[in-house]
Amino acid sequence: MHIDKEIDTHGLNCPLPILKAKKALAELESGQTLKVVATDAGSLRDFQAFAKQTGNELLEQQTVGAEFIHVLRRR
């Protein structure tokens, strides 16, 4: 999958990963993708809710070790 931008939110807790993702998405064009790497386990449900509320598409979520990876497509 092609990723247009990636942000690292290691060590940040809610709501900071969402706020950083919101800012990064605002810099992207419609249809571009953003990968967020987080360490907050709550980010799994936070990004699901964020996608529903904003209309951005949550393409993928996965857990790799202590990391939670979220891939969003800008609406």
PDB file of N, CA and C in Angstrom:
ATOM      1  N   MET A   1       0.842  -1.180   0.000  1.00  0.00           N
ATOM      2  CA  MET A   1       0.000   0.000   0.000  1.00  0.00           C
ATOM      3  C   MET A   1       0.891   1.249   0.000  1.00  0.00           C
ATOM      4  N   HIS A   2       0.533   2.201  -0.835  1.00  0.00           N
ATOM      5  CA  HIS A   2       1.305   3.449  -0.913  1.00  0.00           C
ATOM      6  C   HIS A   2       0.923   4.361   0.247  1.00  0.00           C
ATOM      7  N   ILE A   3       1.911   4.859   0.977  1.00  0.00           N
ATOM      8  CA  ILE A   3       1.702   5.788   2.091  1.00  0.00           C
ATOM      9  C   ILE A   3       2.269   7.145   1.686  1.00  0.00           C
ATOM     10  N   ASP A   4       1.428   8.192   1.754  1.00  0.00           N
ATOM     11  CA  ASP A   4       1.881   9.530   1.373  1.00  0.00           C
ATOM     12  C   ASP A   4       2.606  10.250   2.508  1.00  0.00           C
ATOM     13  N   LYS A   5       2.192   9.978   3.738  1.00  0.00           N
ATOM     14  CA  LYS A   5       2.818  10.632   4.889  1.00  0.00           C
ATOM     15  C   LYS A   5       2.749   9.688   6.076  1.00  0.00           C
ATOM     16  N   GLU A   6       3.782   9.734   6.922  1.00  0.00           N
ATOM     17  CA  GLU A   6       3.805   8.906   8.124  1.00  0.00           C
ATOM     18  C   GLU A   6       4.162   9.780   9.314  1.00  0.00           C
ATOM     19  N   ILE A   7       3.440   9.570  10.422  1.00  0.00           N
ATOM     20  CA  ILE A   7       3.779  10.293  11.646  1.00  0.00           C
ATOM     21  C   ILE A   7       4.005   9.299  12.780  1.00  0.00           C
ATOM     22  N   ASP A   8       4.907   9.674  13.672  1.00  0.00           N
ATOM     23  CA  ASP A   8       5.277   8.839  14.815  1.00  0.00           C
ATOM     24  C   ASP A   8       4.720   9.494  16.069  1.00  0.00           C
ATOM     25  N   THR A   9       3.835   8.786  16.776  1.00  0.00           N
ATOM     26  CA  THR A   9       3.265   9.322  18.007  1.00  0.00           C
ATOM     27  C   THR A   9       3.651   8.449  19.209  1.00  0.00           C
ATOM     28  N   HIS A  10       4.824   7.834  19.150  1.00  0.00           N
ATOM     29  CA  HIS A  10       5.316   7.004  20.266  1.00  0.00           C
ATOM     30  C   HIS A  10       5.291   7.811  21.566  1.00  0.00           C
ATOM     31  N   GLY A  11       4.784   7.176  22.621  1.00  0.00           N
ATOM     32  CA  GLY A  11       4.801   7.792  23.937  1.00  0.00           C
ATOM     33  C   GLY A  11       3.692   8.798  24.190  1.00  0.00           C
ATOM     34  N   LEU A  12       2.895   9.105  23.180  1.00  0.00           N
ATOM     35  CA  LEU A  12       1.817  10.075  23.352  1.00  0.00           C
ATOM     36  C   LEU A  12       0.508   9.355  23.656  1.00  0.00           C
ATOM     37  N   ASN A  13      -0.252   9.906  24.584  1.00  0.00           N
ATOM     38  CA  ASN A  13      -1.546   9.332  24.939  1.00  0.00           C
ATOM     39  C   ASN A  13      -2.674  10.204  24.412  1.00  0.00           C
ATOM     40  N   CYS A  14      -3.856   9.628  24.389  1.00  0.00           N
ATOM     41  CA  CYS A  14      -5.051  10.308  23.927  1.00  0.00           C
ATOM     42  C   CYS A  14      -5.164  11.670  24.613  1.00  0.00           C
ATOM     43  N   PRO A  15      -5.481  12.707  23.899  1.00  0.00           N
ATOM     44  CA  PRO A  15      -5.910  12.761  22.495  1.00  0.00           C
ATOM     45  C   PRO A  15      -4.792  13.149  21.527  1.00  0.00           C
ATOM     46  N   LEU A  16      -3.539  13.168  21.976  1.00  0.00           N
ATOM     47  CA  LEU A  16      -2.457  13.671  21.127  1.00  0.00           C
ATOM     48  C   LEU A  16      -2.269  12.930  19.804  1.00  0.00           C
ATOM     49  N   PRO A  17      -2.309  11.583  19.753  1.00  0.00           N
ATOM     50  CA  PRO A  17      -2.171  10.930  18.435  1.00  0.00           C
ATOM     51  C   PRO A  17      -3.263  11.367  17.447  1.00  0.00           C
ATOM     52  N   ILE A  18      -4.488  11.546  17.937  1.00  0.00           N
ATOM     53  CA  ILE A  18      -5.589  11.991  17.069  1.00  0.00           C
ATOM     54  C   ILE A  18      -5.343  13.426  16.597  1.00  0.00           C
ATOM     55  N   LEU A  19      -4.928  14.286  17.508  1.00  0.00           N
ATOM     56  CA  LEU A  19      -4.691  15.684  17.138  1.00  0.00           C
ATOM     57  C   LEU A  19      -3.575  15.810  16.107  1.00  0.00           C
ATOM     58  N   LYS A  20      -2.513  15.033  16.296  1.00  0.00           N
ATOM     59  CA  LYS A  20      -1.415  15.055  15.319  1.00  0.00           C
ATOM     60  C   LYS A  20      -1.867  14.495  13.972  1.00  0.00           C
ATOM     61  N   ALA A  21      -2.700  13.457  13.997  1.00  0.00           N
ATOM     62  CA  ALA A  21      -3.225  12.878  12.754  1.00  0.00           C
ATOM     63  C   ALA A  21      -4.126  13.885  12.043  1.00  0.00           C
ATOM     64  N   LYS A  22      -4.958  14.582  12.804  1.00  0.00           N
ATOM     65  CA  LYS A  22      -5.863  15.583  12.218  1.00  0.00           C
ATOM     66  C   LYS A  22      -5.055  16.672  11.502  1.00  0.00           C
ATOM     67  N   LYS A  23      -3.989  17.131  12.154  1.00  0.00           N
ATOM     68  CA  LYS A  23      -3.130  18.157  11.558  1.00  0.00           C
ATOM     69  C   LYS A  23      -2.451  17.633  10.284  1.00  0.00           C
ATOM     70  N   ALA A  24      -1.945  16.407  10.352  1.00  0.00           N
ATOM     71  CA  ALA A  24      -1.260  15.812   9.193  1.00  0.00           C
ATOM     72  C   ALA A  24      -2.231  15.604   8.032  1.00  0.00           C
ATOM     73  N   LEU A  25      -3.458  15.152   8.324  1.00  0.00           N
ATOM     74  CA  LEU A  25      -4.452  14.944   7.264  1.00  0.00           C
ATOM     75  C   LEU A  25      -4.802  16.256   6.581  1.00  0.00           C
ATOM     76  N   ALA A  26      -4.831  17.348   7.334  1.00  0.00           N
ATOM     77  CA  ALA A  26      -5.157  18.657   6.772  1.00  0.00           C
ATOM     78  C   ALA A  26      -4.118  19.092   5.734  1.00  0.00           C
ATOM     79  N   GLU A  27      -2.909  18.554   5.838  1.00  0.00           N
ATOM     80  CA  GLU A  27      -1.833  18.896   4.899  1.00  0.00           C
ATOM     81  C   GLU A  27      -1.864  18.026   3.647  1.00  0.00           C
ATOM     82  N   LEU A  28      -2.694  16.986   3.641  1.00  0.00           N
ATOM     83  CA  LEU A  28      -2.762  16.067   2.508  1.00  0.00           C
ATOM     84  C   LEU A  28      -3.889  16.449   1.562  1.00  0.00           C
ATOM     85  N   GLU A  29      -3.777  15.974   0.327  1.00  0.00           N
ATOM     86  CA  GLU A  29      -4.842  16.137  -0.658  1.00  0.00           C
ATOM     87  C   GLU A  29      -5.868  15.029  -0.468  1.00  0.00           C
ATOM     88  N   SER A  30      -7.066  15.246  -0.960  1.00  0.00           N
ATOM     89  CA  SER A  30      -8.106  14.224  -0.894  1.00  0.00           C
ATOM     90  C   SER A  30      -7.619  12.939  -1.566  1.00  0.00           C
ATOM     91  N   GLY A  31      -7.813  11.794  -0.889  1.00  0.00           N
ATOM     92  CA  GLY A  31      -7.398  10.498  -1.441  1.00  0.00           C
ATOM     93  C   GLY A  31      -6.008  10.059  -1.017  1.00  0.00           C
ATOM     94  N   GLN A  32      -5.218  10.975  -0.457  1.00  0.00           N
ATOM     95  CA  GLN A  32      -3.880  10.587  -0.009  1.00  0.00           C
ATOM     96  C   GLN A  32      -3.975   9.841   1.314  1.00  0.00           C
ATOM     97  N   THR A  33      -2.914   9.094   1.642  1.00  0.00           N
ATOM     98  CA  THR A  33      -2.945   8.240   2.824  1.00  0.00           C
ATOM     99  C   THR A  33      -1.954   8.694   3.884  1.00  0.00           C
ATOM    100  N   LEU A  34      -2.348   8.445   5.133  1.00  0.00           N
ATOM    101  CA  LEU A  34      -1.542   8.791   6.298  1.00  0.00           C
ATOM    102  C   LEU A  34      -1.371   7.548   7.156  1.00  0.00           C
ATOM    103  N   LYS A  35      -0.133   7.276   7.547  1.00  0.00           N
ATOM    104  CA  LYS A  35       0.161   6.176   8.464  1.00  0.00           C
ATOM    105  C   LYS A  35       0.547   6.784   9.809  1.00  0.00           C
ATOM    106  N   VAL A  36      -0.124   6.313  10.871  1.00  0.00           N
ATOM    107  CA  VAL A  36       0.160   6.784  12.224  1.00  0.00           C
ATOM    108  C   VAL A  36       0.668   5.598  13.034  1.00  0.00           C
ATOM    109  N   VAL A  37       1.838   5.748  13.637  1.00  0.00           N
ATOM    110  CA  VAL A  37       2.389   4.707  14.496  1.00  0.00           C
ATOM    111  C   VAL A  37       2.275   5.210  15.931  1.00  0.00           C
ATOM    112  N   ALA A  38       1.522   4.474  16.755  1.00  0.00           N
ATOM    113  CA  ALA A  38       1.248   4.881  18.132  1.00  0.00           C
ATOM    114  C   ALA A  38       1.626   3.777  19.105  1.00  0.00           C
ATOM    115  N   THR A  39       1.755   4.148  20.383  1.00  0.00           N
ATOM    116  CA  THR A  39       1.999   3.161  21.433  1.00  0.00           C
ATOM    117  C   THR A  39       0.852   3.130  22.440  1.00  0.00           C
ATOM    118  N   ASP A  40      -0.143   3.968  22.252  1.00  0.00           N
ATOM    119  CA  ASP A  40      -1.308   4.027  23.138  1.00  0.00           C
ATOM    120  C   ASP A  40      -2.339   2.994  22.675  1.00  0.00           C
ATOM    121  N   ALA A  41      -2.598   1.990  23.527  1.00  0.00           N
ATOM    122  CA  ALA A  41      -3.554   0.935  23.163  1.00  0.00           C
ATOM    123  C   ALA A  41      -4.944   1.501  22.897  1.00  0.00           C
ATOM    124  N   GLY A  42      -5.285   2.597  23.533  1.00  0.00           N
ATOM    125  CA  GLY A  42      -6.581   3.233  23.317  1.00  0.00           C
ATOM    126  C   GLY A  42      -6.723   3.824  21.932  1.00  0.00           C
ATOM    127  N   SER A  43      -5.610   3.958  21.233  1.00  0.00           N
ATOM    128  CA  SER A  43      -5.667   4.557  19.886  1.00  0.00           C
ATOM    129  C   SER A  43      -6.457   3.687  18.914  1.00  0.00           C
ATOM    130  N   LEU A  44      -6.562   2.385  19.175  1.00  0.00           N
ATOM    131  CA  LEU A  44      -7.338   1.516  18.277  1.00  0.00           C
ATOM    132  C   LEU A  44      -8.781   1.988  18.186  1.00  0.00           C
ATOM    133  N   ARG A  45      -9.426   2.168  19.322  1.00  0.00           N
ATOM    134  CA  ARG A  45     -10.825   2.630  19.297  1.00  0.00           C
ATOM    135  C   ARG A  45     -10.906   4.118  18.962  1.00  0.00           C
ATOM    136  N   ASP A  46      -9.890   4.895  19.382  1.00  0.00           N
ATOM    137  CA  ASP A  46      -9.901   6.332  19.095  1.00  0.00           C
ATOM    138  C   ASP A  46      -9.894   6.607  17.592  1.00  0.00           C
ATOM    139  N   PHE A  47      -9.073   5.874  16.847  1.00  0.00           N
ATOM    140  CA  PHE A  47      -8.999   6.108  15.400  1.00  0.00           C
ATOM    141  C   PHE A  47     -10.249   5.603  14.684  1.00  0.00           C
ATOM    142  N   GLN A  48     -10.892   4.560  15.215  1.00  0.00           N
ATOM    143  CA  GLN A  48     -12.156   4.105  14.636  1.00  0.00           C
ATOM    144  C   GLN A  48     -13.215   5.192  14.780  1.00  0.00           C
ATOM    145  N   ALA A  49     -13.304   5.777  15.968  1.00  0.00           N
ATOM    146  CA  ALA A  49     -14.267   6.845  16.219  1.00  0.00           C
ATOM    147  C   ALA A  49     -13.923   8.087  15.402  1.00  0.00           C
ATOM    148  N   PHE A  50     -12.645   8.421  15.319  1.00  0.00           N
ATOM    149  CA  PHE A  50     -12.194   9.585  14.558  1.00  0.00           C
ATOM    150  C   PHE A  50     -12.596   9.460  13.089  1.00  0.00           C
ATOM    151  N   ALA A  51     -12.391   8.281  12.512  1.00  0.00           N
ATOM    152  CA  ALA A  51     -12.729   8.063  11.100  1.00  0.00           C
ATOM    153  C   ALA A  51     -14.243   8.237  10.882  1.00  0.00           C
ATOM    154  N   LYS A  52     -15.055   7.689  11.777  1.00  0.00           N
ATOM    155  CA  LYS A  52     -16.505   7.821  11.649  1.00  0.00           C
ATOM    156  C   LYS A  52     -16.946   9.269  11.755  1.00  0.00           C
ATOM    157  N   GLN A  53     -16.357   9.999  12.679  1.00  0.00           N
ATOM    158  CA  GLN A  53     -16.760  11.387  12.914  1.00  0.00           C
ATOM    159  C   GLN A  53     -16.316  12.334  11.808  1.00  0.00           C
ATOM    160  N   THR A  54     -15.175  12.061  11.192  1.00  0.00           N
ATOM    161  CA  THR A  54     -14.612  12.999  10.221  1.00  0.00           C
ATOM    162  C   THR A  54     -14.880  12.618   8.770  1.00  0.00           C
ATOM    163  N   GLY A  55     -15.276  11.373   8.528  1.00  0.00           N
ATOM    164  CA  GLY A  55     -15.501  10.935   7.149  1.00  0.00           C
ATOM    165  C   GLY A  55     -14.245  10.463   6.448  1.00  0.00           C
ATOM    166  N   ASN A  56     -13.100  10.500   7.155  1.00  0.00           N
ATOM    167  CA  ASN A  56     -11.880   9.929   6.584  1.00  0.00           C
ATOM    168  C   ASN A  56     -11.986   8.409   6.694  1.00  0.00           C
ATOM    169  N   GLU A  57     -11.381   7.707   5.743  1.00  0.00           N
ATOM    170  CA  GLU A  57     -11.502   6.247   5.711  1.00  0.00           C
ATOM    171  C   GLU A  57     -10.353   5.592   6.467  1.00  0.00           C
ATOM    172  N   LEU A  58     -10.706   4.716   7.411  1.00  0.00           N
ATOM    173  CA  LEU A  58      -9.707   3.935   8.137  1.00  0.00           C
ATOM    174  C   LEU A  58      -9.443   2.680   7.313  1.00  0.00           C
ATOM    175  N   LEU A  59      -8.298   2.655   6.632  1.00  0.00           N
ATOM    176  CA  LEU A  59      -7.988   1.566   5.708  1.00  0.00           C
ATOM    177  C   LEU A  59      -7.472   0.326   6.419  1.00  0.00           C
ATOM    178  N   GLU A  60      -6.717   0.544   7.491  1.00  0.00           N
ATOM    179  CA  GLU A  60      -6.049  -0.593   8.139  1.00  0.00           C
ATOM    180  C   GLU A  60      -5.676  -0.238   9.568  1.00  0.00           C
ATOM    181  N   GLN A  61      -5.756  -1.242  10.437  1.00  0.00           N
ATOM    182  CA  GLN A  61      -5.228  -1.134  11.791  1.00  0.00           C
ATOM    183  C   GLN A  61      -4.527  -2.440  12.100  1.00  0.00           C
ATOM    184  N   GLN A  62      -3.344  -2.350  12.677  1.00  0.00           N
ATOM    185  CA  GLN A  62      -2.659  -3.569  13.078  1.00  0.00           C
ATOM    186  C   GLN A  62      -1.801  -3.298  14.308  1.00  0.00           C
ATOM    187  N   THR A  63      -1.581  -4.370  15.042  1.00  0.00           N
ATOM    188  CA  THR A  63      -0.733  -4.301  16.225  1.00  0.00           C
ATOM    189  C   THR A  63       0.535  -5.083  15.926  1.00  0.00           C
ATOM    190  N   VAL A  64       1.673  -4.425  16.085  1.00  0.00           N
ATOM    191  CA  VAL A  64       2.966  -5.062  15.856  1.00  0.00           C
ATOM    192  C   VAL A  64       3.792  -4.837  17.122  1.00  0.00           C
ATOM    193  N   GLY A  65       3.890  -5.879  17.925  1.00  0.00           N
ATOM    194  CA  GLY A  65       4.582  -5.734  19.204  1.00  0.00           C
ATOM    195  C   GLY A  65       3.840  -4.740  20.074  1.00  0.00           C
ATOM    196  N   ALA A  66       4.534  -3.686  20.503  1.00  0.00           N
ATOM    197  CA  ALA A  66       3.920  -2.652  21.345  1.00  0.00           C
ATOM    198  C   ALA A  66       3.413  -1.473  20.532  1.00  0.00           C
ATOM    199  N   GLU A  67       3.444  -1.603  19.201  1.00  0.00           N
ATOM    200  CA  GLU A  67       3.013  -0.509  18.325  1.00  0.00           C
ATOM    201  C   GLU A  67       1.638  -0.780  17.734  1.00  0.00           C
ATOM    202  N   PHE A  68       0.888   0.300  17.591  1.00  0.00           N
ATOM    203  CA  PHE A  68      -0.428   0.243  16.957  1.00  0.00           C
ATOM    204  C   PHE A  68      -0.346   1.107  15.710  1.00  0.00           C
ATOM    205  N   ILE A  69      -0.602   0.480  14.558  1.00  0.00           N
ATOM    206  CA  ILE A  69      -0.446   1.158  13.282  1.00  0.00           C
ATOM    207  C   ILE A  69      -1.821   1.395  12.677  1.00  0.00           C
ATOM    208  N   HIS A  70      -2.033   2.642  12.269  1.00  0.00           N
ATOM    209  CA  HIS A  70      -3.314   3.051  11.689  1.00  0.00           C
ATOM    210  C   HIS A  70      -3.025   3.686  10.332  1.00  0.00           C
ATOM    211  N   VAL A  71      -3.802   3.305   9.321  1.00  0.00           N
ATOM    212  CA  VAL A  71      -3.661   3.902   8.002  1.00  0.00           C
ATOM    213  C   VAL A  71      -5.006   4.517   7.623  1.00  0.00           C
ATOM    214  N   LEU A  72      -4.976   5.809   7.340  1.00  0.00           N
ATOM    215  CA  LEU A  72      -6.186   6.551   6.983  1.00  0.00           C
ATOM    216  C   LEU A  72      -6.076   7.119   5.582  1.00  0.00           C
ATOM    217  N   ARG A  73      -7.209   7.245   4.911  1.00  0.00           N
ATOM    218  CA  ARG A  73      -7.262   7.931   3.612  1.00  0.00           C
ATOM    219  C   ARG A  73      -8.076   9.202   3.798  1.00  0.00           C
ATOM    220  N   ARG A  74      -7.495  10.323   3.358  1.00  0.00           N
ATOM    221  CA  ARG A  74      -8.179  11.608   3.521  1.00  0.00           C
ATOM    222  C   ARG A  74      -9.404  11.663   2.619  1.00  0.00           C
ATOM    223  N   ARG A  75     -10.482  12.182   3.176  1.00  0.00           N
ATOM    224  CA  ARG A  75     -11.731  12.304   2.409  1.00  0.00           C
ATOM    225  C   ARG A  75     -11.639  13.391   1.375  1.00  0.00           C
TER     226      ARG A  75
END
